[in-house]
Amino acid sequence: MRRFAFLVSLCASTANVLAAPALPARVILVGDSTMAPRTGYGDALCARFQPDVACLNLARGGRSSGSYRAEGLWDQVQEQLRASAPFSATYVLIQFGHNDQPGKPGRSTDLVTQYPANLARYVTQARALGAVPILVTPLTRRSFRGQWLHDDLAPWSATVRTIARQQQADLLELNKDSATAVQTMGSAQADTLAQEPRPTRSLPEGGKSAFDYTHLGAKGADLFSGIVMKNLVRLHPALAASLRQP
């Protein structure tokens, strides 16, 4: 009788384990305006996940790999990583470069020394807190010279690749893939990815347009979030089960 009761209890425990739902994943986005809410692809990326996935867009406009940390924004990310809520895994996507370029006081970093050191530090600290760091090469600008896209972020992208290799961190290749997509569509269609259409007439004195070759409207956010998601699932196939069904 005792043996029968033990077997019943064992079967019930096994059934409970098998029936327990899988823990959701968590995705944290760290970067600049090309990833941030309203101006980048980050919110569109989060919208591609099922509701149980904790996707936090902590990217902020105008930040570089140096100023993001200096302003305490990375401290907020680390607080999130220390949170005790259970997740199957936490992925931290790290994308900087636009504001690390020269000519941006208080933001620019040296490409040879500061920029790579900053990226490496993000990787090691994210790992120390149990997260999976993913270095993302910077989203291309959509500036053409004649028929050809001018990839002024190529040196920063190359550095991201080098740091990912040195740190044995995941590399998400956004720069090449976004540049290929933009080059293929051409300058006129690439302009439709902006926050606002290109002005068709002169603006009144003092007027200002939100059109530029960097920031994204809904169409651009949808396109580039799709590229990021495709690469993210390639790196971590388990995330495919966390996507919304089309």
C-alpha atoms as a PDB file:
ATOM      1  CA  MET A   1       0.000   0.000   0.000  1.00  0.00           C
ATOM      2  CA  ARG A   2       2.819   2.380   0.898  1.00  0.00           C
ATOM      3  CA  ARG A   3       4.611   1.532  -2.322  1.00  0.00           C
ATOM      4  CA  PHE A   4       1.439   2.237  -4.302  1.00  0.00           C
ATOM      5  CA  ALA A   5       0.995   5.583  -2.557  1.00  0.00           C
ATOM      6  CA  PHE A   6       4.630   6.470  -3.274  1.00  0.00           C
ATOM      7  CA  LEU A   7       4.205   5.675  -6.972  1.00  0.00           C
ATOM      8  CA  VAL A   8       1.044   7.775  -7.148  1.00  0.00           C
ATOM      9  CA  SER A   9       2.848  10.684  -5.477  1.00  0.00           C
ATOM     10  CA  LEU A  10       5.829  10.312  -7.800  1.00  0.00           C
ATOM     11  CA  CYS A  11       3.620  10.321 -10.900  1.00  0.00           C
ATOM     12  CA  ALA A  12       1.768  13.392  -9.658  1.00  0.00           C
ATOM     13  CA  SER A  13       5.036  15.246  -9.030  1.00  0.00           C
ATOM     14  CA  THR A  14       6.328  14.320 -12.472  1.00  0.00           C
ATOM     15  CA  ALA A  15       3.096  15.500 -14.079  1.00  0.00           C
ATOM     16  CA  ASN A  16       3.332  18.827 -12.271  1.00  0.00           C
ATOM     17  CA  VAL A  17       6.894  19.311 -13.497  1.00  0.00           C
ATOM     18  CA  LEU A  18       5.920  18.478 -17.066  1.00  0.00           C
ATOM     19  CA  ALA A  19       2.907  20.776 -16.882  1.00  0.00           C
ATOM     20  CA  ALA A  20       4.848  23.748 -15.506  1.00  0.00           C
ATOM     21  CA  PRO A  21       4.967  26.500 -18.111  1.00  0.00           C
ATOM     22  CA  ALA A  22       8.330  27.452 -19.538  1.00  0.00           C
ATOM     23  CA  LEU A  23       9.800  30.647 -18.129  1.00  0.00           C
ATOM     24  CA  PRO A  24       9.656  33.626 -20.491  1.00  0.00           C
ATOM     25  CA  ALA A  25      12.732  35.347 -21.858  1.00  0.00           C
ATOM     26  CA  ARG A  26      13.763  38.921 -21.153  1.00  0.00           C
ATOM     27  CA  VAL A  27      15.270  41.302 -23.722  1.00  0.00           C
ATOM     28  CA  ILE A  28      16.859  44.626 -22.780  1.00  0.00           C
ATOM     29  CA  LEU A  29      17.799  47.179 -25.437  1.00  0.00           C
ATOM     30  CA  VAL A  30      20.753  49.487 -24.774  1.00  0.00           C
ATOM     31  CA  GLY A  31      21.745  52.077 -27.345  1.00  0.00           C
ATOM     32  CA  ASP A  32      21.115  55.412 -29.024  1.00  0.00           C
ATOM     33  CA  SER A  33      18.288  57.106 -30.933  1.00  0.00           C
ATOM     34  CA  THR A  34      18.303  54.562 -33.766  1.00  0.00           C
ATOM     35  CA  MET A  35      17.097  52.028 -31.204  1.00  0.00           C
ATOM     36  CA  ALA A  36      15.227  54.312 -28.806  1.00  0.00           C
ATOM     37  CA  PRO A  37      11.454  54.873 -28.495  1.00  0.00           C
ATOM     38  CA  ARG A  38       9.874  57.192 -31.086  1.00  0.00           C
ATOM     39  CA  THR A  39      13.025  57.585 -33.172  1.00  0.00           C
ATOM     40  CA  GLY A  40      14.359  54.059 -33.628  1.00  0.00           C
ATOM     41  CA  TYR A  41      13.402  50.424 -34.197  1.00  0.00           C
ATOM     42  CA  GLY A  42      13.445  49.263 -30.561  1.00  0.00           C
ATOM     43  CA  ASP A  43       9.739  49.506 -29.758  1.00  0.00           C
ATOM     44  CA  ALA A  44       8.868  47.784 -33.044  1.00  0.00           C
ATOM     45  CA  LEU A  45      11.282  45.010 -32.094  1.00  0.00           C
ATOM     46  CA  CYS A  46       9.637  44.578 -28.680  1.00  0.00           C
ATOM     47  CA  ALA A  47       6.221  44.435 -30.368  1.00  0.00           C
ATOM     48  CA  ARG A  48       7.328  41.346 -32.278  1.00  0.00           C
ATOM     49  CA  PHE A  49       7.507  39.332 -29.051  1.00  0.00           C
ATOM     50  CA  GLN A  50       4.611  37.652 -27.297  1.00  0.00           C
ATOM     51  CA  PRO A  51       3.249  39.588 -24.299  1.00  0.00           C
ATOM     52  CA  ASP A  52       4.900  37.332 -21.716  1.00  0.00           C
ATOM     53  CA  VAL A  53       8.383  38.312 -22.921  1.00  0.00           C
ATOM     54  CA  ALA A  54       9.782  41.198 -20.894  1.00  0.00           C
ATOM     55  CA  CYS A  55      11.212  43.476 -23.580  1.00  0.00           C
ATOM     56  CA  LEU A  56      12.572  46.733 -22.161  1.00  0.00           C
ATOM     57  CA  ASN A  57      13.675  49.489 -24.508  1.00  0.00           C
ATOM     58  CA  LEU A  58      16.198  51.427 -22.433  1.00  0.00           C
ATOM     59  CA  ALA A  59      17.947  53.009 -25.425  1.00  0.00           C
ATOM     60  CA  ARG A  60      18.106  56.798 -25.330  1.00  0.00           C
ATOM     61  CA  GLY A  61      18.610  59.386 -28.039  1.00  0.00           C
ATOM     62  CA  GLY A  62      21.884  61.281 -28.262  1.00  0.00           C
ATOM     63  CA  ARG A  63      23.884  58.810 -26.176  1.00  0.00           C
ATOM     64  CA  SER A  64      27.216  57.270 -26.982  1.00  0.00           C
ATOM     65  CA  SER A  65      28.993  54.283 -25.470  1.00  0.00           C
ATOM     66  CA  GLY A  66      30.530  56.761 -23.022  1.00  0.00           C
ATOM     67  CA  SER A  67      27.704  59.161 -22.170  1.00  0.00           C
ATOM     68  CA  TYR A  68      25.167  56.356 -21.658  1.00  0.00           C
ATOM     69  CA  ARG A  69      27.249  55.130 -18.753  1.00  0.00           C
ATOM     70  CA  ALA A  70      28.279  58.601 -17.528  1.00  0.00           C
ATOM     71  CA  GLU A  71      24.640  59.667 -17.171  1.00  0.00           C
ATOM     72  CA  GLY A  72      23.786  56.645 -15.028  1.00  0.00           C
ATOM     73  CA  LEU A  73      21.670  54.907 -17.656  1.00  0.00           C
ATOM     74  CA  TRP A  74      23.781  51.754 -17.512  1.00  0.00           C
ATOM     75  CA  ASP A  75      23.241  51.704 -13.738  1.00  0.00           C
ATOM     76  CA  GLN A  76      19.506  51.403 -14.448  1.00  0.00           C
ATOM     77  CA  VAL A  77      20.165  48.459 -16.755  1.00  0.00           C
ATOM     78  CA  GLN A  78      22.225  46.742 -14.075  1.00  0.00           C
ATOM     79  CA  GLU A  79      19.392  47.254 -11.585  1.00  0.00           C
ATOM     80  CA  GLN A  80      17.082  45.467 -14.009  1.00  0.00           C
ATOM     81  CA  LEU A  81      19.592  42.627 -14.351  1.00  0.00           C
ATOM     82  CA  ARG A  82      19.711  42.221 -10.578  1.00  0.00           C
ATOM     83  CA  ALA A  83      15.922  41.910 -10.410  1.00  0.00           C
ATOM     84  CA  SER A  84      14.902  38.538  -9.041  1.00  0.00           C
ATOM     85  CA  ALA A  85      11.994  37.811 -11.403  1.00  0.00           C
ATOM     86  CA  PRO A  86      12.513  34.415 -13.059  1.00  0.00           C
ATOM     87  CA  PHE A  87      13.400  34.361 -16.745  1.00  0.00           C
ATOM     88  CA  SER A  88      14.639  31.590 -18.975  1.00  0.00           C
ATOM     89  CA  ALA A  89      17.394  33.951 -20.137  1.00  0.00           C
ATOM     90  CA  THR A  90      18.101  37.663 -20.365  1.00  0.00           C
ATOM     91  CA  TYR A  91      19.531  39.073 -23.584  1.00  0.00           C
ATOM     92  CA  VAL A  92      21.080  42.546 -23.607  1.00  0.00           C
ATOM     93  CA  LEU A  93      21.407  44.089 -27.071  1.00  0.00           C
ATOM     94  CA  ILE A  94      24.089  46.800 -27.073  1.00  0.00           C
ATOM     95  CA  GLN A  95      24.311  49.199 -30.023  1.00  0.00           C
ATOM     96  CA  PHE A  96      26.382  52.386 -30.082  1.00  0.00           C
ATOM     97  CA  GLY A  97      28.358  54.265 -32.703  1.00  0.00           C
ATOM     98  CA  HIS A  98      26.399  57.210 -34.113  1.00  0.00           C
ATOM     99  CA  ASN A  99      27.181  59.542 -31.228  1.00  0.00           C
ATOM    100  CA  ASP A 100      30.641  58.126 -30.637  1.00  0.00           C
ATOM    101  CA  GLN A 101      31.753  59.741 -33.893  1.00  0.00           C
ATOM    102  CA  PRO A 102      33.786  62.975 -33.805  1.00  0.00           C
ATOM    103  CA  GLY A 103      32.188  66.391 -33.566  1.00  0.00           C
ATOM    104  CA  LYS A 104      29.710  65.671 -30.785  1.00  0.00           C
ATOM    105  CA  PRO A 105      30.918  67.423 -27.606  1.00  0.00           C
ATOM    106  CA  GLY A 106      30.344  65.463 -24.419  1.00  0.00           C
ATOM    107  CA  ARG A 107      29.519  62.329 -26.380  1.00  0.00           C
ATOM    108  CA  SER A 108      32.310  61.512 -28.826  1.00  0.00           C
ATOM    109  CA  THR A 109      34.710  58.738 -27.905  1.00  0.00           C
ATOM    110  CA  ASP A 110      38.075  57.787 -29.332  1.00  0.00           C
ATOM    111  CA  LEU A 111      37.641  54.975 -31.860  1.00  0.00           C
ATOM    112  CA  VAL A 112      40.954  53.314 -31.018  1.00  0.00           C
ATOM    113  CA  THR A 113      40.863  53.411 -27.220  1.00  0.00           C
ATOM    114  CA  GLN A 114      37.633  54.524 -25.537  1.00  0.00           C
ATOM    115  CA  TYR A 115      35.011  53.028 -27.838  1.00  0.00           C
ATOM    116  CA  PRO A 116      36.344  49.450 -27.768  1.00  0.00           C
ATOM    117  CA  ALA A 117      37.024  49.640 -24.032  1.00  0.00           C
ATOM    118  CA  ASN A 118      33.471  50.813 -23.397  1.00  0.00           C
ATOM    119  CA  LEU A 119      31.961  47.983 -25.427  1.00  0.00           C
ATOM    120  CA  ALA A 120      34.124  45.375 -23.720  1.00  0.00           C
ATOM    121  CA  ARG A 121      33.099  46.696 -20.308  1.00  0.00           C
ATOM    122  CA  TYR A 122      29.400  46.458 -21.176  1.00  0.00           C
ATOM    123  CA  VAL A 123      29.924  42.841 -22.188  1.00  0.00           C
ATOM    124  CA  THR A 124      31.804  41.801 -19.054  1.00  0.00           C
ATOM    125  CA  GLN A 125      29.392  43.549 -16.678  1.00  0.00           C
ATOM    126  CA  ALA A 126      26.294  42.138 -18.366  1.00  0.00           C
ATOM    127  CA  ARG A 127      27.781  38.646 -18.155  1.00  0.00           C
ATOM    128  CA  ALA A 128      28.687  39.118 -14.508  1.00  0.00           C
ATOM    129  CA  LEU A 129      25.002  39.693 -13.786  1.00  0.00           C
ATOM    130  CA  GLY A 130      23.926  36.555 -15.616  1.00  0.00           C
ATOM    131  CA  ALA A 131      22.819  38.131 -18.900  1.00  0.00           C
ATOM    132  CA  VAL A 132      23.731  37.230 -22.481  1.00  0.00           C
ATOM    133  CA  PRO A 133      25.339  40.325 -24.070  1.00  0.00           C
ATOM    134  CA  ILE A 134      24.821  40.792 -27.807  1.00  0.00           C
ATOM    135  CA  LEU A 135      26.872  43.451 -29.573  1.00  0.00           C
ATOM    136  CA  VAL A 136      24.990  45.067 -32.457  1.00  0.00           C
ATOM    137  CA  THR A 137      26.813  46.849 -35.274  1.00  0.00           C
ATOM    138  CA  PRO A 138      25.304  50.345 -35.715  1.00  0.00           C
ATOM    139  CA  LEU A 139      22.326  50.885 -37.986  1.00  0.00           C
ATOM    140  CA  THR A 140      23.353  52.480 -41.271  1.00  0.00           C
ATOM    141  CA  ARG A 141      22.593  56.075 -42.099  1.00  0.00           C
ATOM    142  CA  ARG A 142      20.653  56.471 -45.338  1.00  0.00           C
ATOM    143  CA  SER A 143      22.946  59.039 -46.981  1.00  0.00           C
ATOM    144  CA  PHE A 144      23.717  58.495 -50.648  1.00  0.00           C
ATOM    145  CA  ARG A 145      26.480  59.861 -52.827  1.00  0.00           C
ATOM    146  CA  GLY A 146      25.021  59.583 -56.258  1.00  0.00           C
ATOM    147  CA  GLN A 147      23.668  56.049 -56.584  1.00  0.00           C
ATOM    148  CA  TRP A 148      25.739  54.632 -53.744  1.00  0.00           C
ATOM    149  CA  LEU A 149      25.134  54.552 -50.016  1.00  0.00           C
ATOM    150  CA  HIS A 150      27.834  56.258 -47.969  1.00  0.00           C
ATOM    151  CA  ASP A 151      28.614  53.986 -45.019  1.00  0.00           C
ATOM    152  CA  ASP A 152      30.303  56.424 -42.630  1.00  0.00           C
ATOM    153  CA  LEU A 153      29.828  54.004 -39.727  1.00  0.00           C
ATOM    154  CA  ALA A 154      32.019  51.285 -41.245  1.00  0.00           C
ATOM    155  CA  PRO A 155      35.008  51.885 -38.885  1.00  0.00           C
ATOM    156  CA  TRP A 156      32.766  51.714 -35.799  1.00  0.00           C
ATOM    157  CA  SER A 157      31.095  48.577 -37.105  1.00  0.00           C
ATOM    158  CA  ALA A 158      34.491  46.965 -37.671  1.00  0.00           C
ATOM    159  CA  THR A 159      35.434  47.738 -34.071  1.00  0.00           C
ATOM    160  CA  VAL A 160      32.226  46.141 -32.782  1.00  0.00           C
ATOM    161  CA  ARG A 161      33.088  42.981 -34.703  1.00  0.00           C
ATOM    162  CA  THR A 162      36.590  42.961 -33.251  1.00  0.00           C
ATOM    163  CA  ILE A 163      35.375  43.357 -29.665  1.00  0.00           C
ATOM    164  CA  ALA A 164      32.744  40.645 -30.140  1.00  0.00           C
ATOM    165  CA  ARG A 165      35.467  38.290 -31.348  1.00  0.00           C
ATOM    166  CA  GLN A 166      37.871  39.211 -28.547  1.00  0.00           C
ATOM    167  CA  GLN A 167      35.203  38.892 -25.860  1.00  0.00           C
ATOM    168  CA  GLN A 168      33.649  35.802 -27.479  1.00  0.00           C
ATOM    169  CA  ALA A 169      30.336  37.643 -27.405  1.00  0.00           C
ATOM    170  CA  ASP A 170      27.404  37.286 -29.778  1.00  0.00           C
ATOM    171  CA  LEU A 171      27.544  39.622 -32.771  1.00  0.00           C
ATOM    172  CA  LEU A 172      24.365  40.848 -34.429  1.00  0.00           C
ATOM    173  CA  GLU A 173      25.264  42.216 -37.857  1.00  0.00           C
ATOM    174  CA  LEU A 174      22.877  45.114 -38.369  1.00  0.00           C
ATOM    175  CA  ASN A 175      25.180  47.527 -40.183  1.00  0.00           C
ATOM    176  CA  LYS A 176      25.858  45.326 -43.207  1.00  0.00           C
ATOM    177  CA  ASP A 177      22.306  44.024 -43.454  1.00  0.00           C
ATOM    178  CA  SER A 178      20.703  47.452 -43.099  1.00  0.00           C
ATOM    179  CA  ALA A 179      23.141  48.964 -45.604  1.00  0.00           C
ATOM    180  CA  THR A 180      22.357  46.209 -48.097  1.00  0.00           C
ATOM    181  CA  ALA A 181      18.624  46.812 -47.679  1.00  0.00           C
ATOM    182  CA  VAL A 182      18.977  50.574 -48.110  1.00  0.00           C
ATOM    183  CA  GLN A 183      21.299  50.289 -51.112  1.00  0.00           C
ATOM    184  CA  THR A 184      18.909  47.868 -52.778  1.00  0.00           C
ATOM    185  CA  MET A 185      15.902  50.179 -52.417  1.00  0.00           C
ATOM    186  CA  GLY A 186      17.773  53.295 -53.551  1.00  0.00           C
ATOM    187  CA  SER A 187      17.753  56.817 -52.182  1.00  0.00           C
ATOM    188  CA  ALA A 188      14.163  57.756 -53.064  1.00  0.00           C
ATOM    189  CA  GLN A 189      12.641  54.729 -51.336  1.00  0.00           C
ATOM    190  CA  ALA A 190      15.129  54.991 -48.462  1.00  0.00           C
ATOM    191  CA  ASP A 191      13.787  58.484 -47.767  1.00  0.00           C
ATOM    192  CA  THR A 192      10.389  56.928 -46.975  1.00  0.00           C
ATOM    193  CA  LEU A 193      11.927  55.279 -43.897  1.00  0.00           C
ATOM    194  CA  ALA A 194      12.428  58.644 -42.179  1.00  0.00           C
ATOM    195  CA  GLN A 195      10.293  60.099 -39.390  1.00  0.00           C
ATOM    196  CA  GLU A 196       8.720  62.590 -41.773  1.00  0.00           C
ATOM    197  CA  PRO A 197       8.649  62.840 -45.579  1.00  0.00           C
ATOM    198  CA  ARG A 198      11.326  64.896 -47.265  1.00  0.00           C
ATOM    199  CA  PRO A 199      10.032  68.481 -47.605  1.00  0.00           C
ATOM    200  CA  THR A 200       8.790  69.161 -51.131  1.00  0.00           C
ATOM    201  CA  ARG A 201       8.979  72.939 -50.795  1.00  0.00           C
ATOM    202  CA  SER A 202      11.001  75.499 -48.900  1.00  0.00           C
ATOM    203  CA  LEU A 203      10.111  75.773 -45.238  1.00  0.00           C
ATOM    204  CA  PRO A 204       9.007  79.122 -43.818  1.00  0.00           C
ATOM    205  CA  GLU A 205      11.630  81.131 -42.007  1.00  0.00           C
ATOM    206  CA  GLY A 206      12.391  79.434 -38.703  1.00  0.00           C
ATOM    207  CA  GLY A 207      10.609  76.276 -39.795  1.00  0.00           C
ATOM    208  CA  LYS A 208      12.188  72.906 -39.176  1.00  0.00           C
ATOM    209  CA  SER A 209      11.529  69.441 -40.593  1.00  0.00           C
ATOM    210  CA  ALA A 210      12.034  66.171 -38.725  1.00  0.00           C
ATOM    211  CA  PHE A 211      13.252  64.569 -41.945  1.00  0.00           C
ATOM    212  CA  ASP A 212      16.800  63.225 -41.746  1.00  0.00           C
ATOM    213  CA  TYR A 213      18.856  60.248 -42.858  1.00  0.00           C
ATOM    214  CA  THR A 214      19.229  58.638 -39.440  1.00  0.00           C
ATOM    215  CA  HIS A 215      15.997  58.455 -37.454  1.00  0.00           C
ATOM    216  CA  LEU A 216      13.050  56.231 -38.283  1.00  0.00           C
ATOM    217  CA  GLY A 217       9.343  56.477 -38.821  1.00  0.00           C
ATOM    218  CA  ALA A 218       6.976  53.512 -38.600  1.00  0.00           C
ATOM    219  CA  LYS A 219       8.038  52.060 -41.962  1.00  0.00           C
ATOM    220  CA  GLY A 220      11.725  52.218 -41.117  1.00  0.00           C
ATOM    221  CA  ALA A 221      11.184  50.814 -37.628  1.00  0.00           C
ATOM    222  CA  ASP A 222       9.244  47.893 -39.070  1.00  0.00           C
ATOM    223  CA  LEU A 223      11.910  47.131 -41.673  1.00  0.00           C
ATOM    224  CA  PHE A 224      14.916  47.269 -39.401  1.00  0.00           C
ATOM    225  CA  SER A 225      13.260  45.561 -36.425  1.00  0.00           C
ATOM    226  CA  GLY A 226      12.555  42.686 -38.781  1.00  0.00           C
ATOM    227  CA  ILE A 227      16.229  42.509 -39.747  1.00  0.00           C
ATOM    228  CA  VAL A 228      17.272  42.572 -36.089  1.00  0.00           C
ATOM    229  CA  MET A 229      14.759  39.890 -35.143  1.00  0.00           C
ATOM    230  CA  LYS A 230      15.850  37.620 -37.964  1.00  0.00           C
ATOM    231  CA  ASN A 231      19.462  37.855 -36.824  1.00  0.00           C
ATOM    232  CA  LEU A 232      18.532  37.500 -33.168  1.00  0.00           C
ATOM    233  CA  VAL A 233      16.648  34.262 -33.788  1.00  0.00           C
ATOM    234  CA  ARG A 234      19.573  33.023 -35.852  1.00  0.00           C
ATOM    235  CA  LEU A 235      21.831  33.579 -32.843  1.00  0.00           C
ATOM    236  CA  HIS A 236      19.333  32.151 -30.340  1.00  0.00           C
ATOM    237  CA  PRO A 237      16.826  29.830 -32.052  1.00  0.00           C
ATOM    238  CA  ALA A 238      14.922  29.270 -28.785  1.00  0.00           C
ATOM    239  CA  LEU A 239      13.549  32.808 -29.117  1.00  0.00           C
ATOM    240  CA  ALA A 240      11.514  31.785 -32.180  1.00  0.00           C
ATOM    241  CA  ALA A 241       8.895  30.311 -29.845  1.00  0.00           C
ATOM    242  CA  SER A 242       8.534  33.720 -28.155  1.00  0.00           C
ATOM    243  CA  LEU A 243       7.488  35.593 -31.290  1.00  0.00           C
ATOM    244  CA  ARG A 244       3.978  36.723 -32.090  1.00  0.00           C
ATOM    245  CA  GLN A 245       2.333  34.740 -34.843  1.00  0.00           C
ATOM    246  CA  PRO A 246       1.944  36.703 -38.094  1.00  0.00           C
END
